[in-house]
Amino acid sequence: MILYLHGFRSSPQSFKARVLAARLAELGRGEEWCCPMLPVSPLATIALAELLVAAAPPQHVTVIGSSLGGYFATHLAEKHDWPAVLLNPAIVPQRDLSAYLGEQPLWHGGGSIVVEQRHLDELRALDVASITRPGRYYLFAATGDEVLDYREMLARYPGARTRLIEGSDHAISEFPQYVDDVLAFCDAANVEPPAPKKAA
């Protein structure tokens, strides 16, 4: 399963989600794709992600997180030992989203969400102080991100496989050129390691 977690005010109709879903469909792998609409509550988001994985047949899981979804993906990767791809991930969302308390419009399909102080507290509770096993992560960080600071991303994921994109933007507008690289990482991360050899 490839579990995609979208960003703040976004949806399964986000640009990168649609690119990934279309590529998997082209490859005849559409059944691997899972991209839910996430609730505004961070704790409810984590519970939904875990429920979707638990309800699926036993299989490998890779989580892909964009922006705020990258923050959630990091929490899940550390908790469940899942490999994770992080696309311009949020690093301190409880700080950044403090300016967005109240009703906020959604990017796709109309509608809105209401961000409350308790949601910032929930984000704080999900914080990962420092990552373990950097090899489980693949970080995409764009120097031209107009929303988040790529330097914070690099500092949070030391030792992780990293693609530093010169320029670009928060949405990673040229993402189609990276989609096969993302899927190759998902596939490689989910290959069973060889069984240890028995001592003679």
N, C-alpha and C. Protein backbone atom coordinates (compact mmCIF):
# COMPACT_ATOMS: atom_id res chain seq x y z
N MET A 1 0.84 -1.20 0.00
CA MET A 1 0.00 0.00 0.00
C MET A 1 0.88 1.25 0.00
N ILE A 2 0.50 2.20 -0.83
CA ILE A 2 1.11 3.52 -0.80
C ILE A 2 0.06 4.47 -0.22
N LEU A 3 0.32 4.94 0.97
CA LEU A 3 -0.61 5.81 1.69
C LEU A 3 -0.14 7.25 1.53
N TYR A 4 -0.97 8.06 0.87
CA TYR A 4 -0.61 9.45 0.60
C TYR A 4 -1.38 10.37 1.55
N LEU A 5 -0.65 11.22 2.24
CA LEU A 5 -1.25 12.17 3.18
C LEU A 5 -1.04 13.58 2.64
N HIS A 6 -2.15 14.23 2.31
CA HIS A 6 -2.08 15.55 1.69
C HIS A 6 -1.80 16.64 2.74
N GLY A 7 -1.65 17.85 2.26
CA GLY A 7 -1.29 18.96 3.12
C GLY A 7 -2.48 19.73 3.67
N PHE A 8 -2.17 20.79 4.37
CA PHE A 8 -3.16 21.65 5.01
C PHE A 8 -4.08 22.28 3.97
N ARG A 9 -5.39 22.15 4.19
CA ARG A 9 -6.43 22.69 3.31
C ARG A 9 -6.44 22.02 1.93
N SER A 10 -5.70 20.94 1.78
CA SER A 10 -5.64 20.25 0.50
C SER A 10 -6.61 19.07 0.50
N SER A 11 -6.41 18.14 -0.45
CA SER A 11 -7.35 17.03 -0.60
C SER A 11 -6.73 15.97 -1.50
N PRO A 12 -7.43 14.84 -1.71
CA PRO A 12 -6.96 13.85 -2.67
C PRO A 12 -6.89 14.38 -4.10
N GLN A 13 -7.47 15.57 -4.35
CA GLN A 13 -7.40 16.17 -5.68
C GLN A 13 -6.18 17.06 -5.86
N SER A 14 -5.25 17.02 -4.93
CA SER A 14 -4.05 17.83 -5.06
C SER A 14 -3.23 17.38 -6.27
N PHE A 15 -2.43 18.29 -6.76
CA PHE A 15 -1.63 18.04 -7.97
C PHE A 15 -0.76 16.78 -7.83
N LYS A 16 0.03 16.71 -6.78
CA LYS A 16 0.96 15.58 -6.64
C LYS A 16 0.22 14.27 -6.43
N ALA A 17 -0.88 14.32 -5.69
CA ALA A 17 -1.67 13.10 -5.49
C ALA A 17 -2.22 12.59 -6.81
N ARG A 18 -2.71 13.48 -7.65
CA ARG A 18 -3.27 13.06 -8.94
C ARG A 18 -2.18 12.51 -9.86
N VAL A 19 -1.00 13.12 -9.81
CA VAL A 19 0.12 12.63 -10.63
C VAL A 19 0.50 11.21 -10.21
N LEU A 20 0.61 10.98 -8.91
CA LEU A 20 0.97 9.65 -8.42
C LEU A 20 -0.11 8.62 -8.74
N ALA A 21 -1.37 8.98 -8.52
CA ALA A 21 -2.46 8.05 -8.77
C ALA A 21 -2.51 7.67 -10.25
N ALA A 22 -2.31 8.66 -11.12
CA ALA A 22 -2.35 8.39 -12.56
C ALA A 22 -1.20 7.49 -12.98
N ARG A 23 -0.02 7.72 -12.41
CA ARG A 23 1.14 6.89 -12.78
C ARG A 23 0.96 5.45 -12.31
N LEU A 24 0.46 5.27 -11.12
CA LEU A 24 0.20 3.91 -10.64
C LEU A 24 -0.85 3.22 -11.50
N ALA A 25 -1.88 3.94 -11.91
CA ALA A 25 -2.89 3.36 -12.79
C ALA A 25 -2.28 2.95 -14.12
N GLU A 26 -1.39 3.79 -14.66
CA GLU A 26 -0.70 3.46 -15.92
C GLU A 26 0.08 2.15 -15.78
N LEU A 27 0.66 1.95 -14.62
CA LEU A 27 1.49 0.77 -14.37
C LEU A 27 0.66 -0.45 -13.96
N GLY A 28 -0.66 -0.30 -13.91
CA GLY A 28 -1.52 -1.40 -13.49
C GLY A 28 -1.44 -1.67 -12.01
N ARG A 29 -1.11 -0.64 -11.24
CA ARG A 29 -0.92 -0.80 -9.79
C ARG A 29 -1.89 0.07 -8.99
N GLY A 30 -3.01 0.41 -9.59
CA GLY A 30 -3.95 1.30 -8.93
C GLY A 30 -4.44 0.80 -7.59
N GLU A 31 -4.47 -0.52 -7.41
CA GLU A 31 -4.98 -1.08 -6.16
C GLU A 31 -4.06 -0.80 -4.98
N GLU A 32 -2.82 -0.36 -5.24
CA GLU A 32 -1.88 -0.05 -4.16
C GLU A 32 -2.14 1.33 -3.56
N TRP A 33 -2.91 2.16 -4.25
CA TRP A 33 -3.04 3.58 -3.90
C TRP A 33 -4.11 3.81 -2.84
N CYS A 34 -3.77 4.60 -1.85
CA CYS A 34 -4.74 4.99 -0.81
C CYS A 34 -4.49 6.45 -0.46
N CYS A 35 -5.47 7.31 -0.74
CA CYS A 35 -5.31 8.73 -0.50
C CYS A 35 -6.60 9.28 0.08
N PRO A 36 -6.76 9.22 1.39
CA PRO A 36 -8.00 9.69 2.02
C PRO A 36 -8.06 11.20 2.16
N MET A 37 -9.28 11.71 2.28
CA MET A 37 -9.48 13.10 2.70
C MET A 37 -9.23 13.14 4.20
N LEU A 38 -8.30 13.97 4.63
CA LEU A 38 -7.90 13.97 6.03
C LEU A 38 -8.76 14.93 6.85
N PRO A 39 -9.11 14.54 8.07
CA PRO A 39 -9.86 15.44 8.95
C PRO A 39 -8.96 16.57 9.43
N VAL A 40 -9.59 17.61 9.95
CA VAL A 40 -8.82 18.76 10.43
C VAL A 40 -8.05 18.41 11.70
N SER A 41 -8.55 17.48 12.50
CA SER A 41 -7.87 17.08 13.73
C SER A 41 -6.64 16.22 13.43
N PRO A 42 -5.46 16.62 13.87
CA PRO A 42 -4.27 15.80 13.65
C PRO A 42 -4.37 14.40 14.27
N LEU A 43 -4.92 14.30 15.48
CA LEU A 43 -5.04 12.98 16.10
C LEU A 43 -6.01 12.10 15.32
N ALA A 44 -7.09 12.70 14.81
CA ALA A 44 -8.03 11.94 13.98
C ALA A 44 -7.38 11.52 12.67
N THR A 45 -6.49 12.34 12.14
CA THR A 45 -5.77 11.99 10.92
C THR A 45 -4.91 10.75 11.13
N ILE A 46 -4.16 10.73 12.23
CA ILE A 46 -3.31 9.58 12.53
C ILE A 46 -4.18 8.33 12.73
N ALA A 47 -5.28 8.46 13.45
CA ALA A 47 -6.17 7.32 13.68
C ALA A 47 -6.74 6.80 12.36
N LEU A 48 -7.12 7.71 11.45
CA LEU A 48 -7.66 7.29 10.15
C LEU A 48 -6.60 6.55 9.35
N ALA A 49 -5.39 7.07 9.31
CA ALA A 49 -4.31 6.42 8.56
C ALA A 49 -4.07 5.01 9.09
N GLU A 50 -4.02 4.86 10.39
CA GLU A 50 -3.78 3.55 10.99
C GLU A 50 -4.95 2.60 10.73
N LEU A 51 -6.16 3.13 10.73
CA LEU A 51 -7.33 2.30 10.47
C LEU A 51 -7.34 1.80 9.03
N LEU A 52 -6.99 2.66 8.09
CA LEU A 52 -6.97 2.26 6.68
C LEU A 52 -5.94 1.17 6.43
N VAL A 53 -4.79 1.31 7.06
CA VAL A 53 -3.75 0.29 6.90
C VAL A 53 -4.17 -1.02 7.56
N ALA A 54 -4.77 -0.93 8.75
CA ALA A 54 -5.19 -2.13 9.46
C ALA A 54 -6.29 -2.88 8.71
N ALA A 55 -7.12 -2.14 7.97
CA ALA A 55 -8.23 -2.76 7.26
C ALA A 55 -7.80 -3.43 5.96
N ALA A 56 -6.62 -3.09 5.49
CA ALA A 56 -6.12 -3.66 4.23
C ALA A 56 -5.51 -5.03 4.49
N PRO A 57 -5.40 -5.85 3.44
CA PRO A 57 -4.71 -7.14 3.61
C PRO A 57 -3.28 -6.90 4.08
N PRO A 58 -2.70 -7.85 4.81
CA PRO A 58 -1.32 -7.67 5.27
C PRO A 58 -0.40 -7.39 4.09
N GLN A 59 0.34 -6.34 4.18
CA GLN A 59 1.20 -5.93 3.08
C GLN A 59 2.18 -4.90 3.57
N HIS A 60 3.13 -4.59 2.71
CA HIS A 60 4.05 -3.51 3.01
C HIS A 60 3.33 -2.18 2.87
N VAL A 61 3.77 -1.21 3.64
CA VAL A 61 3.19 0.14 3.59
C VAL A 61 4.32 1.15 3.41
N THR A 62 4.14 2.05 2.46
CA THR A 62 4.99 3.23 2.37
C THR A 62 4.07 4.43 2.49
N VAL A 63 4.46 5.40 3.30
CA VAL A 63 3.65 6.59 3.46
C VAL A 63 4.35 7.75 2.75
N ILE A 64 3.57 8.50 1.98
CA ILE A 64 4.06 9.70 1.30
C ILE A 64 3.32 10.88 1.89
N GLY A 65 4.06 11.87 2.36
CA GLY A 65 3.42 13.02 2.97
C GLY A 65 3.87 14.31 2.34
N SER A 66 2.91 15.15 1.99
CA SER A 66 3.20 16.45 1.41
C SER A 66 2.88 17.55 2.41
N SER A 67 3.84 18.44 2.64
CA SER A 67 3.64 19.59 3.53
C SER A 67 3.21 19.11 4.93
N LEU A 68 2.02 19.48 5.40
CA LEU A 68 1.57 19.00 6.71
C LEU A 68 1.48 17.48 6.73
N GLY A 69 1.14 16.89 5.59
CA GLY A 69 1.13 15.43 5.50
C GLY A 69 2.49 14.82 5.76
N GLY A 70 3.56 15.56 5.47
CA GLY A 70 4.90 15.07 5.76
C GLY A 70 5.17 14.99 7.25
N TYR A 71 4.59 15.91 8.00
CA TYR A 71 4.70 15.88 9.46
C TYR A 71 4.01 14.64 10.01
N PHE A 72 2.80 14.37 9.50
CA PHE A 72 2.07 13.16 9.91
C PHE A 72 2.83 11.90 9.48
N ALA A 73 3.37 11.92 8.27
CA ALA A 73 4.10 10.76 7.75
C ALA A 73 5.31 10.43 8.63
N THR A 74 5.97 11.47 9.13
CA THR A 74 7.14 11.26 9.99
C THR A 74 6.72 10.58 11.30
N HIS A 75 5.64 11.05 11.88
CA HIS A 75 5.13 10.43 13.11
C HIS A 75 4.80 8.96 12.87
N LEU A 76 4.12 8.66 11.77
CA LEU A 76 3.73 7.28 11.48
C LEU A 76 4.95 6.42 11.15
N ALA A 77 5.91 6.98 10.44
CA ALA A 77 7.12 6.23 10.10
C ALA A 77 7.88 5.82 11.36
N GLU A 78 7.99 6.74 12.29
CA GLU A 78 8.69 6.43 13.54
C GLU A 78 7.91 5.43 14.39
N LYS A 79 6.60 5.57 14.42
CA LYS A 79 5.76 4.71 15.27
C LYS A 79 5.67 3.29 14.73
N HIS A 80 5.58 3.16 13.39
CA HIS A 80 5.30 1.85 12.79
C HIS A 80 6.46 1.30 11.96
N ASP A 81 7.57 2.03 11.90
CA ASP A 81 8.72 1.60 11.11
C ASP A 81 8.37 1.51 9.62
N TRP A 82 7.57 2.44 9.15
CA TRP A 82 7.24 2.49 7.72
C TRP A 82 8.23 3.38 6.99
N PRO A 83 8.62 3.02 5.77
CA PRO A 83 9.38 3.96 4.96
C PRO A 83 8.51 5.14 4.57
N ALA A 84 9.13 6.30 4.36
CA ALA A 84 8.36 7.50 4.10
C ALA A 84 9.04 8.39 3.07
N VAL A 85 8.23 8.93 2.17
CA VAL A 85 8.67 9.95 1.23
C VAL A 85 8.07 11.26 1.70
N LEU A 86 8.90 12.29 1.82
CA LEU A 86 8.46 13.57 2.37
C LEU A 86 8.63 14.65 1.30
N LEU A 87 7.54 15.30 0.94
CA LEU A 87 7.54 16.30 -0.12
C LEU A 87 7.35 17.69 0.50
N ASN A 88 8.43 18.45 0.59
CA ASN A 88 8.39 19.75 1.26
C ASN A 88 7.62 19.65 2.58
N PRO A 89 8.09 18.81 3.50
CA PRO A 89 7.32 18.55 4.72
C PRO A 89 7.32 19.73 5.69
N ALA A 90 6.20 19.89 6.40
CA ALA A 90 6.13 20.85 7.49
C ALA A 90 6.99 20.34 8.65
N ILE A 91 7.70 21.22 9.29
CA ILE A 91 8.59 20.84 10.39
C ILE A 91 8.03 21.28 11.74
N VAL A 92 7.50 22.49 11.82
CA VAL A 92 6.92 23.00 13.07
C VAL A 92 5.52 23.55 12.76
N PRO A 93 4.58 22.69 12.39
CA PRO A 93 3.26 23.20 11.98
C PRO A 93 2.48 23.86 13.10
N GLN A 94 2.73 23.45 14.35
CA GLN A 94 2.02 24.09 15.46
C GLN A 94 2.40 25.57 15.56
N ARG A 95 3.57 25.92 15.09
CA ARG A 95 3.99 27.32 15.01
C ARG A 95 3.40 27.99 13.76
N ASP A 96 3.58 27.34 12.63
CA ASP A 96 3.19 27.95 11.36
C ASP A 96 1.68 28.13 11.23
N LEU A 97 0.91 27.18 11.76
CA LEU A 97 -0.54 27.25 11.59
C LEU A 97 -1.23 28.10 12.65
N SER A 98 -0.46 28.63 13.58
CA SER A 98 -1.07 29.50 14.60
C SER A 98 -1.69 30.75 13.96
N ALA A 99 -1.24 31.08 12.77
CA ALA A 99 -1.80 32.24 12.06
C ALA A 99 -3.08 31.89 11.31
N TYR A 100 -3.48 30.61 11.37
CA TYR A 100 -4.64 30.16 10.59
C TYR A 100 -5.78 29.67 11.48
N LEU A 101 -5.83 30.13 12.71
CA LEU A 101 -6.94 29.75 13.58
C LEU A 101 -8.24 30.32 13.02
N GLY A 102 -9.33 29.55 13.18
CA GLY A 102 -10.62 29.99 12.66
C GLY A 102 -10.96 29.27 11.36
N GLU A 103 -11.96 29.78 10.66
CA GLU A 103 -12.43 29.13 9.44
C GLU A 103 -11.48 29.41 8.28
N GLN A 104 -11.12 28.35 7.57
CA GLN A 104 -10.18 28.45 6.46
C GLN A 104 -10.76 27.74 5.23
N PRO A 105 -10.71 28.37 4.06
CA PRO A 105 -11.25 27.74 2.86
C PRO A 105 -10.35 26.59 2.39
N LEU A 106 -10.97 25.57 1.81
CA LEU A 106 -10.22 24.46 1.22
C LEU A 106 -9.80 24.82 -0.20
N TRP A 107 -8.71 24.22 -0.65
CA TRP A 107 -8.19 24.53 -1.97
C TRP A 107 -9.03 23.91 -3.09
N HIS A 108 -9.63 22.75 -2.83
CA HIS A 108 -10.32 22.02 -3.90
C HIS A 108 -11.77 21.76 -3.54
N GLY A 109 -12.67 22.03 -4.48
CA GLY A 109 -14.05 21.61 -4.32
C GLY A 109 -14.91 22.45 -3.41
N GLY A 110 -14.41 23.59 -2.97
CA GLY A 110 -15.19 24.42 -2.08
C GLY A 110 -15.18 23.89 -0.65
N GLY A 111 -15.94 24.53 0.20
CA GLY A 111 -15.99 24.12 1.60
C GLY A 111 -14.88 24.77 2.41
N SER A 112 -14.90 24.49 3.70
CA SER A 112 -13.92 25.08 4.60
C SER A 112 -13.70 24.17 5.80
N ILE A 113 -12.68 24.48 6.56
CA ILE A 113 -12.41 23.81 7.82
C ILE A 113 -12.29 24.88 8.90
N VAL A 114 -12.42 24.47 10.14
CA VAL A 114 -12.24 25.39 11.27
C VAL A 114 -11.06 24.89 12.10
N VAL A 115 -10.03 25.68 12.16
CA VAL A 115 -8.82 25.33 12.90
C VAL A 115 -8.93 25.91 14.31
N GLU A 116 -8.79 25.04 15.31
CA GLU A 116 -8.92 25.44 16.71
C GLU A 116 -7.58 25.28 17.44
N GLN A 117 -7.48 25.92 18.57
CA GLN A 117 -6.25 25.83 19.36
C GLN A 117 -5.92 24.39 19.71
N ARG A 118 -6.94 23.60 19.97
CA ARG A 118 -6.68 22.19 20.33
C ARG A 118 -5.97 21.44 19.20
N HIS A 119 -6.21 21.85 17.96
CA HIS A 119 -5.53 21.20 16.84
C HIS A 119 -4.02 21.49 16.87
N LEU A 120 -3.66 22.68 17.28
CA LEU A 120 -2.23 23.00 17.44
C LEU A 120 -1.63 22.19 18.57
N ASP A 121 -2.40 22.00 19.64
CA ASP A 121 -1.93 21.18 20.76
C ASP A 121 -1.73 19.73 20.31
N GLU A 122 -2.63 19.24 19.47
CA GLU A 122 -2.51 17.87 18.96
C GLU A 122 -1.26 17.75 18.08
N LEU A 123 -1.00 18.75 17.27
CA LEU A 123 0.22 18.73 16.46
C LEU A 123 1.45 18.65 17.34
N ARG A 124 1.44 19.42 18.41
CA ARG A 124 2.59 19.42 19.33
C ARG A 124 2.79 18.02 19.93
N ALA A 125 1.69 17.34 20.22
CA ALA A 125 1.76 16.00 20.81
C ALA A 125 2.33 14.97 19.84
N LEU A 126 2.23 15.25 18.54
CA LEU A 126 2.71 14.29 17.53
C LEU A 126 4.16 14.55 17.11
N ASP A 127 4.78 15.55 17.70
CA ASP A 127 6.12 15.94 17.28
C ASP A 127 7.13 14.81 17.48
N VAL A 128 8.01 14.66 16.50
CA VAL A 128 9.13 13.73 16.59
C VAL A 128 10.38 14.56 16.87
N ALA A 129 10.95 14.39 18.03
CA ALA A 129 12.09 15.22 18.43
C ALA A 129 13.28 15.02 17.49
N SER A 130 13.56 13.78 17.15
CA SER A 130 14.62 13.48 16.19
C SER A 130 14.32 12.13 15.55
N ILE A 131 14.64 12.01 14.29
CA ILE A 131 14.31 10.78 13.57
C ILE A 131 15.31 9.67 13.92
N THR A 132 14.83 8.46 13.77
CA THR A 132 15.70 7.28 13.87
C THR A 132 15.73 6.63 12.49
N ARG A 133 16.73 5.81 12.25
CA ARG A 133 16.84 5.11 10.95
C ARG A 133 16.62 6.06 9.77
N PRO A 134 17.53 6.98 9.53
CA PRO A 134 17.38 7.93 8.43
C PRO A 134 17.15 7.27 7.08
N GLY A 135 17.64 6.04 6.92
CA GLY A 135 17.48 5.34 5.64
C GLY A 135 16.05 5.04 5.27
N ARG A 136 15.12 5.17 6.22
CA ARG A 136 13.71 4.91 5.88
C ARG A 136 13.06 6.11 5.20
N TYR A 137 13.79 7.24 5.13
CA TYR A 137 13.20 8.47 4.60
C TYR A 137 13.80 8.87 3.25
N TYR A 138 12.94 9.47 2.42
CA TYR A 138 13.38 10.12 1.19
C TYR A 138 12.77 11.52 1.20
N LEU A 139 13.62 12.52 1.37
CA LEU A 139 13.18 13.90 1.51
C LEU A 139 13.33 14.65 0.19
N PHE A 140 12.26 15.30 -0.23
CA PHE A 140 12.30 16.25 -1.34
C PHE A 140 12.14 17.65 -0.75
N ALA A 141 13.12 18.50 -0.96
CA ALA A 141 13.09 19.85 -0.40
C ALA A 141 13.43 20.85 -1.49
N ALA A 142 12.52 21.78 -1.74
CA ALA A 142 12.72 22.78 -2.78
C ALA A 142 13.21 24.09 -2.18
N THR A 143 14.32 24.60 -2.70
CA THR A 143 14.86 25.84 -2.16
C THR A 143 13.93 27.03 -2.44
N GLY A 144 13.06 26.89 -3.45
CA GLY A 144 12.15 27.97 -3.78
C GLY A 144 10.80 27.87 -3.11
N ASP A 145 10.67 26.96 -2.14
CA ASP A 145 9.40 26.82 -1.43
C ASP A 145 9.03 28.15 -0.79
N GLU A 146 7.87 28.68 -1.20
CA GLU A 146 7.44 30.00 -0.72
C GLU A 146 6.65 29.93 0.57
N VAL A 147 6.41 28.70 1.08
CA VAL A 147 5.61 28.52 2.29
C VAL A 147 6.47 28.05 3.46
N LEU A 148 7.35 27.09 3.20
CA LEU A 148 8.16 26.49 4.25
C LEU A 148 9.65 26.63 3.93
N ASP A 149 10.47 26.64 4.95
CA ASP A 149 11.91 26.86 4.80
C ASP A 149 12.62 25.51 4.60
N TYR A 150 13.21 25.35 3.42
CA TYR A 150 13.87 24.08 3.11
C TYR A 150 15.02 23.79 4.08
N ARG A 151 15.61 24.82 4.67
CA ARG A 151 16.73 24.60 5.59
C ARG A 151 16.27 23.90 6.87
N GLU A 152 15.05 24.19 7.30
CA GLU A 152 14.50 23.47 8.44
C GLU A 152 14.28 22.00 8.09
N MET A 153 13.87 21.75 6.85
CA MET A 153 13.67 20.36 6.41
C MET A 153 14.99 19.59 6.45
N LEU A 154 16.03 20.19 5.91
CA LEU A 154 17.33 19.51 5.87
C LEU A 154 17.83 19.23 7.28
N ALA A 155 17.60 20.18 8.19
CA ALA A 155 18.07 20.01 9.57
C ALA A 155 17.29 18.92 10.30
N ARG A 156 16.04 18.72 9.95
CA ARG A 156 15.20 17.74 10.66
C ARG A 156 15.50 16.30 10.23
N TYR A 157 16.02 16.12 9.01
CA TYR A 157 16.21 14.77 8.49
C TYR A 157 17.67 14.51 8.13
N PRO A 158 18.58 14.65 9.11
CA PRO A 158 20.00 14.42 8.82
C PRO A 158 20.24 12.96 8.44
N GLY A 159 21.00 12.75 7.39
CA GLY A 159 21.34 11.39 6.97
C GLY A 159 20.30 10.74 6.08
N ALA A 160 19.15 11.39 5.90
CA ALA A 160 18.12 10.81 5.03
C ALA A 160 18.52 10.98 3.57
N ARG A 161 18.04 10.07 2.74
CA ARG A 161 18.19 10.28 1.30
C ARG A 161 17.47 11.58 0.96
N THR A 162 18.14 12.46 0.24
CA THR A 162 17.60 13.79 0.02
C THR A 162 17.76 14.22 -1.43
N ARG A 163 16.68 14.76 -1.98
CA ARG A 163 16.76 15.43 -3.28
C ARG A 163 16.49 16.91 -3.03
N LEU A 164 17.54 17.70 -3.11
CA LEU A 164 17.42 19.14 -2.94
C LEU A 164 17.15 19.75 -4.31
N ILE A 165 15.97 20.33 -4.45
CA ILE A 165 15.55 20.88 -5.73
C ILE A 165 15.84 22.38 -5.73
N GLU A 166 16.70 22.80 -6.64
CA GLU A 166 17.02 24.22 -6.73
C GLU A 166 15.83 24.96 -7.33
N GLY A 167 15.36 25.97 -6.62
CA GLY A 167 14.20 26.71 -7.10
C GLY A 167 12.92 25.95 -6.82
N SER A 168 12.07 25.83 -7.84
CA SER A 168 10.77 25.19 -7.74
C SER A 168 9.86 25.98 -6.80
N ASP A 169 8.94 25.30 -6.14
CA ASP A 169 7.96 25.97 -5.30
C ASP A 169 7.39 24.97 -4.31
N HIS A 170 6.45 25.43 -3.46
CA HIS A 170 5.90 24.54 -2.44
C HIS A 170 5.19 23.35 -3.06
N ALA A 171 4.52 23.57 -4.18
CA ALA A 171 3.78 22.48 -4.83
C ALA A 171 4.68 21.51 -5.58
N ILE A 172 5.95 21.85 -5.76
CA ILE A 172 6.88 21.09 -6.62
C ILE A 172 6.22 20.91 -7.99
N SER A 173 6.10 22.02 -8.71
CA SER A 173 5.35 22.05 -9.97
C SER A 173 5.88 21.08 -11.02
N GLU A 174 7.15 20.73 -10.93
CA GLU A 174 7.72 19.78 -11.90
C GLU A 174 7.68 18.35 -11.36
N PHE A 175 6.78 18.08 -10.42
CA PHE A 175 6.73 16.77 -9.77
C PHE A 175 6.63 15.59 -10.74
N PRO A 176 5.94 15.72 -11.89
CA PRO A 176 5.90 14.56 -12.81
C PRO A 176 7.26 13.99 -13.16
N GLN A 177 8.29 14.82 -13.16
CA GLN A 177 9.61 14.29 -13.52
C GLN A 177 10.23 13.48 -12.37
N TYR A 178 9.65 13.57 -11.18
CA TYR A 178 10.18 12.83 -10.04
C TYR A 178 9.32 11.62 -9.66
N VAL A 179 8.18 11.46 -10.29
CA VAL A 179 7.22 10.46 -9.82
C VAL A 179 7.79 9.05 -9.88
N ASP A 180 8.53 8.72 -10.95
CA ASP A 180 9.10 7.37 -11.03
C ASP A 180 10.18 7.15 -9.98
N ASP A 181 10.90 8.19 -9.64
CA ASP A 181 11.91 8.10 -8.58
C ASP A 181 11.25 7.83 -7.23
N VAL A 182 10.13 8.48 -6.99
CA VAL A 182 9.37 8.24 -5.75
C VAL A 182 8.90 6.80 -5.68
N LEU A 183 8.34 6.31 -6.78
CA LEU A 183 7.81 4.94 -6.78
C LEU A 183 8.94 3.92 -6.68
N ALA A 184 10.09 4.22 -7.27
CA ALA A 184 11.24 3.31 -7.16
C ALA A 184 11.68 3.19 -5.71
N PHE A 185 11.66 4.31 -4.98
CA PHE A 185 12.01 4.27 -3.56
C PHE A 185 10.98 3.43 -2.79
N CYS A 186 9.71 3.62 -3.09
CA CYS A 186 8.66 2.85 -2.42
C CYS A 186 8.89 1.35 -2.65
N ASP A 187 9.19 1.00 -3.88
CA ASP A 187 9.39 -0.42 -4.21
C ASP A 187 10.64 -0.98 -3.52
N ALA A 188 11.73 -0.22 -3.56
CA ALA A 188 12.98 -0.70 -2.96
C ALA A 188 12.84 -0.82 -1.45
N ALA A 189 12.13 0.13 -0.84
CA ALA A 189 11.97 0.11 0.61
C ALA A 189 11.13 -1.06 1.08
N ASN A 190 10.32 -1.59 0.17
CA ASN A 190 9.40 -2.65 0.57
C ASN A 190 9.84 -4.03 0.12
N VAL A 191 11.09 -4.16 -0.28
CA VAL A 191 11.64 -5.48 -0.59
C VAL A 191 12.06 -6.15 0.73
N GLU A 192 11.61 -7.37 0.92
CA GLU A 192 11.97 -8.07 2.15
C GLU A 192 13.48 -8.26 2.22
N PRO A 193 14.09 -7.93 3.34
CA PRO A 193 15.52 -8.19 3.49
C PRO A 193 15.78 -9.69 3.53
N PRO A 194 16.93 -10.12 3.06
CA PRO A 194 17.22 -11.55 3.10
C PRO A 194 17.26 -12.08 4.53
N ALA A 195 16.82 -13.30 4.67
CA ALA A 195 16.85 -13.92 6.01
C ALA A 195 18.29 -14.11 6.44
N PRO A 196 18.57 -13.90 7.73
CA PRO A 196 19.96 -14.09 8.19
C PRO A 196 20.39 -15.55 8.04
N LYS A 197 21.64 -15.73 7.66
CA LYS A 197 22.16 -17.09 7.48
C LYS A 197 22.38 -17.75 8.83
N LYS A 198 22.06 -19.03 8.87
CA LYS A 198 22.27 -19.77 10.11
C LYS A 198 23.75 -20.11 10.25
N ALA A 199 24.20 -20.08 11.48
CA ALA A 199 25.60 -20.42 11.74
C ALA A 199 25.84 -21.89 11.41
N ALA A 200 27.00 -22.17 10.84
CA ALA A 200 27.32 -23.55 10.47
C ALA A 200 27.58 -24.37 11.72
